[in-house]
């Protein structure tokens, strides 16, 4: 899943990771784990906000559309964890 438009002038995610590792000297062999973890965390945050909306603890109508997005967000995290994304 890509949030940015595809443009050949932008480096790929793999290229960015390689460049960061080379310049920082850090071991990024587990970067996929942290990417998946961050997506799961965002999914939980979205779910928490949505359940507050459903329970009437907030009336902000912007949160009404969060519910249908939760399964897709969880699937994106799973895809990254399994190496499918």
PDB file of N, CA and C in Angstrom:
ATOM      1  N   UNK A   1       0.856  -1.163   0.000  1.00  0.00           N
ATOM      2  CA  UNK A   1       0.000   0.000   0.000  1.00  0.00           C
ATOM      3  C   UNK A   1       0.900   1.224   0.000  1.00  0.00           C
ATOM      4  N   UNK A   2       0.662   2.120  -0.920  1.00  0.00           N
ATOM      5  CA  UNK A   2       1.471   3.326  -1.021  1.00  0.00           C
ATOM      6  C   UNK A   2       0.579   4.536  -0.831  1.00  0.00           C
ATOM      7  N   UNK A   3       1.012   5.445   0.006  1.00  0.00           N
ATOM      8  CA  UNK A   3       0.235   6.649   0.256  1.00  0.00           C
ATOM      9  C   UNK A   3       0.643   7.778  -0.691  1.00  0.00           C
ATOM     10  N   UNK A   4       1.821   7.660  -1.280  1.00  0.00           N
ATOM     11  CA  UNK A   4       2.306   8.701  -2.174  1.00  0.00           C
ATOM     12  C   UNK A   4       2.072   8.285  -3.618  1.00  0.00           C
ATOM     13  N   UNK A   5       1.867   9.281  -4.489  1.00  0.00           N
ATOM     14  CA  UNK A   5       1.730   8.933  -5.903  1.00  0.00           C
ATOM     15  C   UNK A   5       3.028   8.333  -6.424  1.00  0.00           C
ATOM     16  N   UNK A   6       2.894   7.389  -7.329  1.00  0.00           N
ATOM     17  CA  UNK A   6       4.078   6.769  -7.901  1.00  0.00           C
ATOM     18  C   UNK A   6       4.702   7.728  -8.908  1.00  0.00           C
ATOM     19  N   UNK A   7       5.972   7.957  -8.757  1.00  0.00           N
ATOM     20  CA  UNK A   7       6.715   8.854  -9.635  1.00  0.00           C
ATOM     21  C   UNK A   7       8.141   8.342  -9.674  1.00  0.00           C
ATOM     22  N   UNK A   8       8.661   8.137 -10.863  1.00  0.00           N
ATOM     23  CA  UNK A   8      10.003   7.565 -10.987  1.00  0.00           C
ATOM     24  C   UNK A   8      11.088   8.432 -10.352  1.00  0.00           C
ATOM     25  N   UNK A   9      10.786   9.677 -10.049  1.00  0.00           N
ATOM     26  CA  UNK A   9      11.785  10.545  -9.409  1.00  0.00           C
ATOM     27  C   UNK A   9      11.919  10.263  -7.915  1.00  0.00           C
ATOM     28  N   UNK A  10      10.922   9.614  -7.340  1.00  0.00           N
ATOM     29  CA  UNK A  10      10.983   9.277  -5.923  1.00  0.00           C
ATOM     30  C   UNK A  10      11.666   7.928  -5.751  1.00  0.00           C
ATOM     31  N   UNK A  11      12.518   7.805  -4.740  1.00  0.00           N
ATOM     32  CA  UNK A  11      13.111   6.482  -4.487  1.00  0.00           C
ATOM     33  C   UNK A  11      12.039   5.523  -3.959  1.00  0.00           C
ATOM     34  N   UNK A  12      12.251   4.253  -4.187  1.00  0.00           N
ATOM     35  CA  UNK A  12      11.330   3.241  -3.663  1.00  0.00           C
ATOM     36  C   UNK A  12      11.541   3.116  -2.150  1.00  0.00           C
ATOM     37  N   UNK A  13      10.622   2.443  -1.491  1.00  0.00           N
ATOM     38  CA  UNK A  13      10.773   2.203  -0.053  1.00  0.00           C
ATOM     39  C   UNK A  13      12.072   1.450   0.215  1.00  0.00           C
ATOM     40  N   UNK A  14      12.359   0.434  -0.601  1.00  0.00           N
ATOM     41  CA  UNK A  14      13.586  -0.352  -0.426  1.00  0.00           C
ATOM     42  C   UNK A  14      14.828   0.519  -0.603  1.00  0.00           C
ATOM     43  N   UNK A  15      14.792   1.415  -1.574  1.00  0.00           N
ATOM     44  CA  UNK A  15      15.930   2.321  -1.788  1.00  0.00           C
ATOM     45  C   UNK A  15      16.115   3.268  -0.610  1.00  0.00           C
ATOM     46  N   UNK A  16      15.016   3.770  -0.066  1.00  0.00           N
ATOM     47  CA  UNK A  16      15.107   4.656   1.100  1.00  0.00           C
ATOM     48  C   UNK A  16      15.685   3.924   2.305  1.00  0.00           C
ATOM     49  N   UNK A  17      15.247   2.700   2.510  1.00  0.00           N
ATOM     50  CA  UNK A  17      15.753   1.902   3.628  1.00  0.00           C
ATOM     51  C   UNK A  17      17.244   1.650   3.462  1.00  0.00           C
ATOM     52  N   UNK A  18      17.647   1.281   2.259  1.00  0.00           N
ATOM     53  CA  UNK A  18      19.062   1.025   1.980  1.00  0.00           C
ATOM     54  C   UNK A  18      19.901   2.283   2.183  1.00  0.00           C
ATOM     55  N   UNK A  19      19.410   3.409   1.705  1.00  0.00           N
ATOM     56  CA  UNK A  19      20.125   4.678   1.862  1.00  0.00           C
ATOM     57  C   UNK A  19      20.252   5.055   3.336  1.00  0.00           C
ATOM     58  N   UNK A  20      19.161   4.922   4.088  1.00  0.00           N
ATOM     59  CA  UNK A  20      19.192   5.247   5.514  1.00  0.00           C
ATOM     60  C   UNK A  20      20.169   4.339   6.253  1.00  0.00           C
ATOM     61  N   UNK A  21      20.134   3.056   5.953  1.00  0.00           N
ATOM     62  CA  UNK A  21      21.045   2.107   6.607  1.00  0.00           C
ATOM     63  C   UNK A  21      22.494   2.460   6.298  1.00  0.00           C
ATOM     64  N   UNK A  22      22.776   2.788   5.053  1.00  0.00           N
ATOM     65  CA  UNK A  22      24.144   3.121   4.655  1.00  0.00           C
ATOM     66  C   UNK A  22      24.637   4.388   5.340  1.00  0.00           C
ATOM     67  N   UNK A  23      23.795   5.387   5.408  1.00  0.00           N
ATOM     68  CA  UNK A  23      24.217   6.674   5.987  1.00  0.00           C
ATOM     69  C   UNK A  23      24.237   6.663   7.510  1.00  0.00           C
ATOM     70  N   UNK A  24      23.335   5.905   8.119  1.00  0.00           N
ATOM     71  CA  UNK A  24      23.256   5.913   9.584  1.00  0.00           C
ATOM     72  C   UNK A  24      24.101   4.818  10.224  1.00  0.00           C
ATOM     73  N   UNK A  25      24.409   3.787   9.453  1.00  0.00           N
ATOM     74  CA  UNK A  25      25.140   2.656  10.003  1.00  0.00           C
ATOM     75  C   UNK A  25      24.277   1.740  10.858  1.00  0.00           C
ATOM     76  N   UNK A  26      22.984   1.940  10.829  1.00  0.00           N
ATOM     77  CA  UNK A  26      22.065   1.133  11.641  1.00  0.00           C
ATOM     78  C   UNK A  26      21.690  -0.166  10.934  1.00  0.00           C
ATOM     79  N   UNK A  27      21.423  -1.172  11.742  1.00  0.00           N
ATOM     80  CA  UNK A  27      20.949  -2.454  11.230  1.00  0.00           C
ATOM     81  C   UNK A  27      19.438  -2.356  11.039  1.00  0.00           C
ATOM     82  N   UNK A  28      18.993  -2.440   9.824  1.00  0.00           N
ATOM     83  CA  UNK A  28      17.562  -2.337   9.536  1.00  0.00           C
ATOM     84  C   UNK A  28      16.978  -3.668   9.078  1.00  0.00           C
ATOM     85  N   UNK A  29      17.582  -4.749   9.515  1.00  0.00           N
ATOM     86  CA  UNK A  29      17.114  -6.067   9.086  1.00  0.00           C
ATOM     87  C   UNK A  29      15.708  -6.389   9.600  1.00  0.00           C
ATOM     88  N   UNK A  30      15.250  -5.679  10.619  1.00  0.00           N
ATOM     89  CA  UNK A  30      13.914  -5.932  11.179  1.00  0.00           C
ATOM     90  C   UNK A  30      12.937  -4.803  10.861  1.00  0.00           C
ATOM     91  N   UNK A  31      13.223  -4.031   9.842  1.00  0.00           N
ATOM     92  CA  UNK A  31      12.389  -2.872   9.533  1.00  0.00           C
ATOM     93  C   UNK A  31      10.954  -3.279   9.196  1.00  0.00           C
ATOM     94  N   UNK A  32      10.764  -4.435   8.578  1.00  0.00           N
ATOM     95  CA  UNK A  32       9.404  -4.884   8.250  1.00  0.00           C
ATOM     96  C   UNK A  32       8.576  -5.082   9.520  1.00  0.00           C
ATOM     97  N   UNK A  33       9.187  -5.621  10.569  1.00  0.00           N
ATOM     98  CA  UNK A  33       8.484  -5.791  11.840  1.00  0.00           C
ATOM     99  C   UNK A  33       7.991  -4.440  12.361  1.00  0.00           C
ATOM    100  N   UNK A  34       8.859  -3.444  12.353  1.00  0.00           N
ATOM    101  CA  UNK A  34       8.483  -2.133  12.885  1.00  0.00           C
ATOM    102  C   UNK A  34       7.454  -1.433  12.000  1.00  0.00           C
ATOM    103  N   UNK A  35       7.535  -1.660  10.708  1.00  0.00           N
ATOM    104  CA  UNK A  35       6.536  -1.107   9.796  1.00  0.00           C
ATOM    105  C   UNK A  35       5.170  -1.722  10.107  1.00  0.00           C
ATOM    106  N   UNK A  36       5.110  -3.048  10.238  1.00  0.00           N
ATOM    107  CA  UNK A  36       3.849  -3.725  10.562  1.00  0.00           C
ATOM    108  C   UNK A  36       3.328  -3.271  11.926  1.00  0.00           C
ATOM    109  N   UNK A  37       4.214  -3.172  12.906  1.00  0.00           N
ATOM    110  CA  UNK A  37       3.808  -2.730  14.241  1.00  0.00           C
ATOM    111  C   UNK A  37       3.192  -1.338  14.193  1.00  0.00           C
ATOM    112  N   UNK A  38       3.797  -0.439  13.437  1.00  0.00           N
ATOM    113  CA  UNK A  38       3.254   0.921  13.358  1.00  0.00           C
ATOM    114  C   UNK A  38       1.874   0.920  12.707  1.00  0.00           C
ATOM    115  N   UNK A  39       1.676   0.071  11.707  1.00  0.00           N
ATOM    116  CA  UNK A  39       0.357  -0.012  11.075  1.00  0.00           C
ATOM    117  C   UNK A  39      -0.684  -0.600  12.025  1.00  0.00           C
ATOM    118  N   UNK A  40      -0.307  -1.605  12.804  1.00  0.00           N
ATOM    119  CA  UNK A  40      -1.231  -2.162  13.804  1.00  0.00           C
ATOM    120  C   UNK A  40      -1.587  -1.113  14.857  1.00  0.00           C
ATOM    121  N   UNK A  41      -0.602  -0.331  15.269  1.00  0.00           N
ATOM    122  CA  UNK A  41      -0.871   0.706  16.273  1.00  0.00           C
ATOM    123  C   UNK A  41      -1.874   1.724  15.750  1.00  0.00           C
ATOM    124  N   UNK A  42      -1.699   2.143  14.505  1.00  0.00           N
ATOM    125  CA  UNK A  42      -2.639   3.091  13.909  1.00  0.00           C
ATOM    126  C   UNK A  42      -4.028   2.459  13.807  1.00  0.00           C
ATOM    127  N   UNK A  43      -4.088   1.186  13.475  1.00  0.00           N
ATOM    128  CA  UNK A  43      -5.370   0.481  13.394  1.00  0.00           C
ATOM    129  C   UNK A  43      -6.079   0.495  14.746  1.00  0.00           C
ATOM    130  N   UNK A  44      -5.342   0.242  15.809  1.00  0.00           N
ATOM    131  CA  UNK A  44      -5.931   0.255  17.156  1.00  0.00           C
ATOM    132  C   UNK A  44      -6.418   1.655  17.516  1.00  0.00           C
ATOM    133  N   UNK A  45      -5.657   2.667  17.163  1.00  0.00           N
ATOM    134  CA  UNK A  45      -6.073   4.048  17.444  1.00  0.00           C
ATOM    135  C   UNK A  45      -7.366   4.371  16.701  1.00  0.00           C
ATOM    136  N   UNK A  46      -7.433   3.991  15.429  1.00  0.00           N
ATOM    137  CA  UNK A  46      -8.650   4.219  14.644  1.00  0.00           C
ATOM    138  C   UNK A  46      -9.833   3.497  15.289  1.00  0.00           C
ATOM    139  N   UNK A  47      -9.621   2.257  15.708  1.00  0.00           N
ATOM    140  CA  UNK A  47     -10.692   1.478  16.338  1.00  0.00           C
ATOM    141  C   UNK A  47     -11.140   2.112  17.653  1.00  0.00           C
ATOM    142  N   UNK A  48     -10.198   2.604  18.442  1.00  0.00           N
ATOM    143  CA  UNK A  48     -10.554   3.240  19.715  1.00  0.00           C
ATOM    144  C   UNK A  48     -11.376   4.504  19.492  1.00  0.00           C
ATOM    145  N   UNK A  49     -10.980   5.297  18.519  1.00  0.00           N
ATOM    146  CA  UNK A  49     -11.731   6.519  18.222  1.00  0.00           C
ATOM    147  C   UNK A  49     -13.137   6.157  17.737  1.00  0.00           C
ATOM    148  N   UNK A  50     -13.215   5.149  16.878  1.00  0.00           N
ATOM    149  CA  UNK A  50     -14.514   4.751  16.340  1.00  0.00           C
ATOM    150  C   UNK A  50     -15.439   4.224  17.436  1.00  0.00           C
ATOM    151  N   UNK A  51     -14.932   3.399  18.332  1.00  0.00           N
ATOM    152  CA  UNK A  51     -15.793   2.853  19.385  1.00  0.00           C
ATOM    153  C   UNK A  51     -16.288   3.966  20.313  1.00  0.00           C
ATOM    154  N   UNK A  52     -15.468   4.977  20.537  1.00  0.00           N
ATOM    155  CA  UNK A  52     -15.940   6.130  21.324  1.00  0.00           C
ATOM    156  C   UNK A  52     -17.096   6.817  20.610  1.00  0.00           C
ATOM    157  N   UNK A  53     -16.968   6.940  19.302  1.00  0.00           N
ATOM    158  CA  UNK A  53     -18.041   7.551  18.516  1.00  0.00           C
ATOM    159  C   UNK A  53     -19.317   6.708  18.614  1.00  0.00           C
ATOM    160  N   UNK A  54     -19.195   5.397  18.436  1.00  0.00           N
ATOM    161  CA  UNK A  54     -20.351   4.493  18.480  1.00  0.00           C
ATOM    162  C   UNK A  54     -21.029   4.545  19.846  1.00  0.00           C
ATOM    163  N   UNK A  55     -20.250   4.644  20.902  1.00  0.00           N
ATOM    164  CA  UNK A  55     -20.797   4.681  22.265  1.00  0.00           C
ATOM    165  C   UNK A  55     -21.348   6.056  22.645  1.00  0.00           C
ATOM    166  N   UNK A  56     -21.190   7.029  21.759  1.00  0.00           N
ATOM    167  CA  UNK A  56     -21.690   8.370  22.043  1.00  0.00           C
ATOM    168  C   UNK A  56     -20.773   9.196  22.918  1.00  0.00           C
ATOM    169  N   UNK A  57     -19.543   8.747  23.097  1.00  0.00           N
ATOM    170  CA  UNK A  57     -18.591   9.479  23.929  1.00  0.00           C
ATOM    171  C   UNK A  57     -17.987  10.668  23.190  1.00  0.00           C
ATOM    172  N   UNK A  58     -18.188  10.703  21.895  1.00  0.00           N
ATOM    173  CA  UNK A  58     -17.834  11.860  21.077  1.00  0.00           C
ATOM    174  C   UNK A  58     -18.871  11.958  19.969  1.00  0.00           C
ATOM    175  N   UNK A  59     -19.194  13.160  19.573  1.00  0.00           N
ATOM    176  CA  UNK A  59     -20.201  13.353  18.528  1.00  0.00           C
ATOM    177  C   UNK A  59     -19.595  13.860  17.217  1.00  0.00           C
ATOM    178  N   UNK A  60     -18.303  13.880  17.133  1.00  0.00           N
ATOM    179  CA  UNK A  60     -17.629  14.385  15.937  1.00  0.00           C
ATOM    180  C   UNK A  60     -17.948  13.469  14.752  1.00  0.00           C
ATOM    181  N   UNK A  61     -18.679  13.977  13.791  1.00  0.00           N
ATOM    182  CA  UNK A  61     -19.135  13.183  12.648  1.00  0.00           C
ATOM    183  C   UNK A  61     -17.994  12.679  11.763  1.00  0.00           C
ATOM    184  N   UNK A  62     -16.825  13.276  11.872  1.00  0.00           N
ATOM    185  CA  UNK A  62     -15.684  12.799  11.081  1.00  0.00           C
ATOM    186  C   UNK A  62     -15.322  11.363  11.447  1.00  0.00           C
ATOM    187  N   UNK A  63     -15.665  10.930  12.653  1.00  0.00           N
ATOM    188  CA  UNK A  63     -15.303   9.589  13.105  1.00  0.00           C
ATOM    189  C   UNK A  63     -16.277   8.516  12.620  1.00  0.00           C
ATOM    190  N   UNK A  64     -17.406   8.910  12.070  1.00  0.00           N
ATOM    191  CA  UNK A  64     -18.421   7.951  11.617  1.00  0.00           C
ATOM    192  C   UNK A  64     -17.879   7.010  10.543  1.00  0.00           C
ATOM    193  N   UNK A  65     -16.993   7.489   9.716  1.00  0.00           N
ATOM    194  CA  UNK A  65     -16.458   6.676   8.632  1.00  0.00           C
ATOM    195  C   UNK A  65     -15.275   5.811   9.007  1.00  0.00           C
ATOM    196  N   UNK A  66     -14.839   5.868  10.252  1.00  0.00           N
ATOM    197  CA  UNK A  66     -13.666   5.092  10.664  1.00  0.00           C
ATOM    198  C   UNK A  66     -13.942   3.591  10.699  1.00  0.00           C
ATOM    199  N   UNK A  67     -15.147   3.204  11.072  1.00  0.00           N
ATOM    200  CA  UNK A  67     -15.472   1.787  11.235  1.00  0.00           C
ATOM    201  C   UNK A  67     -15.156   0.928  10.024  1.00  0.00           C
ATOM    202  N   UNK A  68     -15.651   1.314   8.847  1.00  0.00           N
ATOM    203  CA  UNK A  68     -15.383   0.496   7.662  1.00  0.00           C
ATOM    204  C   UNK A  68     -13.902   0.444   7.268  1.00  0.00           C
ATOM    205  N   UNK A  69     -13.111   1.350   7.766  1.00  0.00           N
ATOM    206  CA  UNK A  69     -11.683   1.384   7.418  1.00  0.00           C
ATOM    207  C   UNK A  69     -10.834   0.456   8.285  1.00  0.00           C
ATOM    208  N   UNK A  70     -11.374   0.014   9.397  1.00  0.00           N
ATOM    209  CA  UNK A  70     -10.595  -0.801  10.336  1.00  0.00           C
ATOM    210  C   UNK A  70     -10.137  -2.124   9.714  1.00  0.00           C
ATOM    211  N   UNK A  71     -11.011  -2.900   9.066  1.00  0.00           N
ATOM    212  CA  UNK A  71     -10.534  -4.158   8.475  1.00  0.00           C
ATOM    213  C   UNK A  71      -9.431  -3.953   7.435  1.00  0.00           C
ATOM    214  N   UNK A  72      -9.550  -2.933   6.607  1.00  0.00           N
ATOM    215  CA  UNK A  72      -8.523  -2.678   5.588  1.00  0.00           C
ATOM    216  C   UNK A  72      -7.202  -2.281   6.229  1.00  0.00           C
ATOM    217  N   UNK A  73      -7.271  -1.498   7.296  1.00  0.00           N
ATOM    218  CA  UNK A  73      -6.044  -1.097   7.993  1.00  0.00           C
ATOM    219  C   UNK A  73      -5.374  -2.313   8.634  1.00  0.00           C
ATOM    220  N   UNK A  74      -6.168  -3.179   9.243  1.00  0.00           N
ATOM    221  CA  UNK A  74      -5.614  -4.396   9.850  1.00  0.00           C
ATOM    222  C   UNK A  74      -5.019  -5.310   8.783  1.00  0.00           C
ATOM    223  N   UNK A  75      -5.691  -5.401   7.643  1.00  0.00           N
ATOM    224  CA  UNK A  75      -5.175  -6.236   6.551  1.00  0.00           C
ATOM    225  C   UNK A  75      -3.860  -5.682   6.013  1.00  0.00           C
ATOM    226  N   UNK A  76      -3.745  -4.369   5.917  1.00  0.00           N
ATOM    227  CA  UNK A  76      -2.498  -3.758   5.453  1.00  0.00           C
ATOM    228  C   UNK A  76      -1.353  -4.103   6.396  1.00  0.00           C
ATOM    229  N   UNK A  77      -1.612  -4.050   7.698  1.00  0.00           N
ATOM    230  CA  UNK A  77      -0.585  -4.407   8.681  1.00  0.00           C
ATOM    231  C   UNK A  77      -0.198  -5.875   8.546  1.00  0.00           C
ATOM    232  N   UNK A  78      -1.186  -6.736   8.378  1.00  0.00           N
ATOM    233  CA  UNK A  78      -0.910  -8.162   8.210  1.00  0.00           C
ATOM    234  C   UNK A  78      -0.110  -8.422   6.933  1.00  0.00           C
ATOM    235  N   UNK A  79      -0.478  -7.751   5.858  1.00  0.00           N
ATOM    236  CA  UNK A  79       0.254  -7.911   4.599  1.00  0.00           C
ATOM    237  C   UNK A  79       1.721  -7.542   4.759  1.00  0.00           C
ATOM    238  N   UNK A  80       1.984  -6.447   5.463  1.00  0.00           N
ATOM    239  CA  UNK A  80       3.373  -6.041   5.699  1.00  0.00           C
ATOM    240  C   UNK A  80       4.076  -7.085   6.561  1.00  0.00           C
ATOM    241  N   UNK A  81       3.409  -7.543   7.614  1.00  0.00           N
ATOM    242  CA  UNK A  81       4.022  -8.530   8.511  1.00  0.00           C
ATOM    243  C   UNK A  81       4.384  -9.818   7.774  1.00  0.00           C
ATOM    244  N   UNK A  82       3.545 -10.203   6.821  1.00  0.00           N
ATOM    245  CA  UNK A  82       3.773 -11.442   6.076  1.00  0.00           C
ATOM    246  C   UNK A  82       4.654 -11.243   4.844  1.00  0.00           C
ATOM    247  N   UNK A  83       5.029  -9.993   4.595  1.00  0.00           N
ATOM    248  CA  UNK A  83       5.879  -9.712   3.444  1.00  0.00           C
ATOM    249  C   UNK A  83       5.127  -9.635   2.135  1.00  0.00           C
ATOM    250  N   UNK A  84       3.809  -9.510   2.206  1.00  0.00           N
ATOM    251  CA  UNK A  84       2.990  -9.453   0.994  1.00  0.00           C
ATOM    252  C   UNK A  84       2.806  -8.030   0.485  1.00  0.00           C
ATOM    253  N   UNK A  85       3.291  -7.062   1.223  1.00  0.00           N
ATOM    254  CA  UNK A  85       3.136  -5.658   0.807  1.00  0.00           C
ATOM    255  C   UNK A  85       4.477  -4.972   0.779  1.00  0.00           C
TER     256      UNK A  85
END
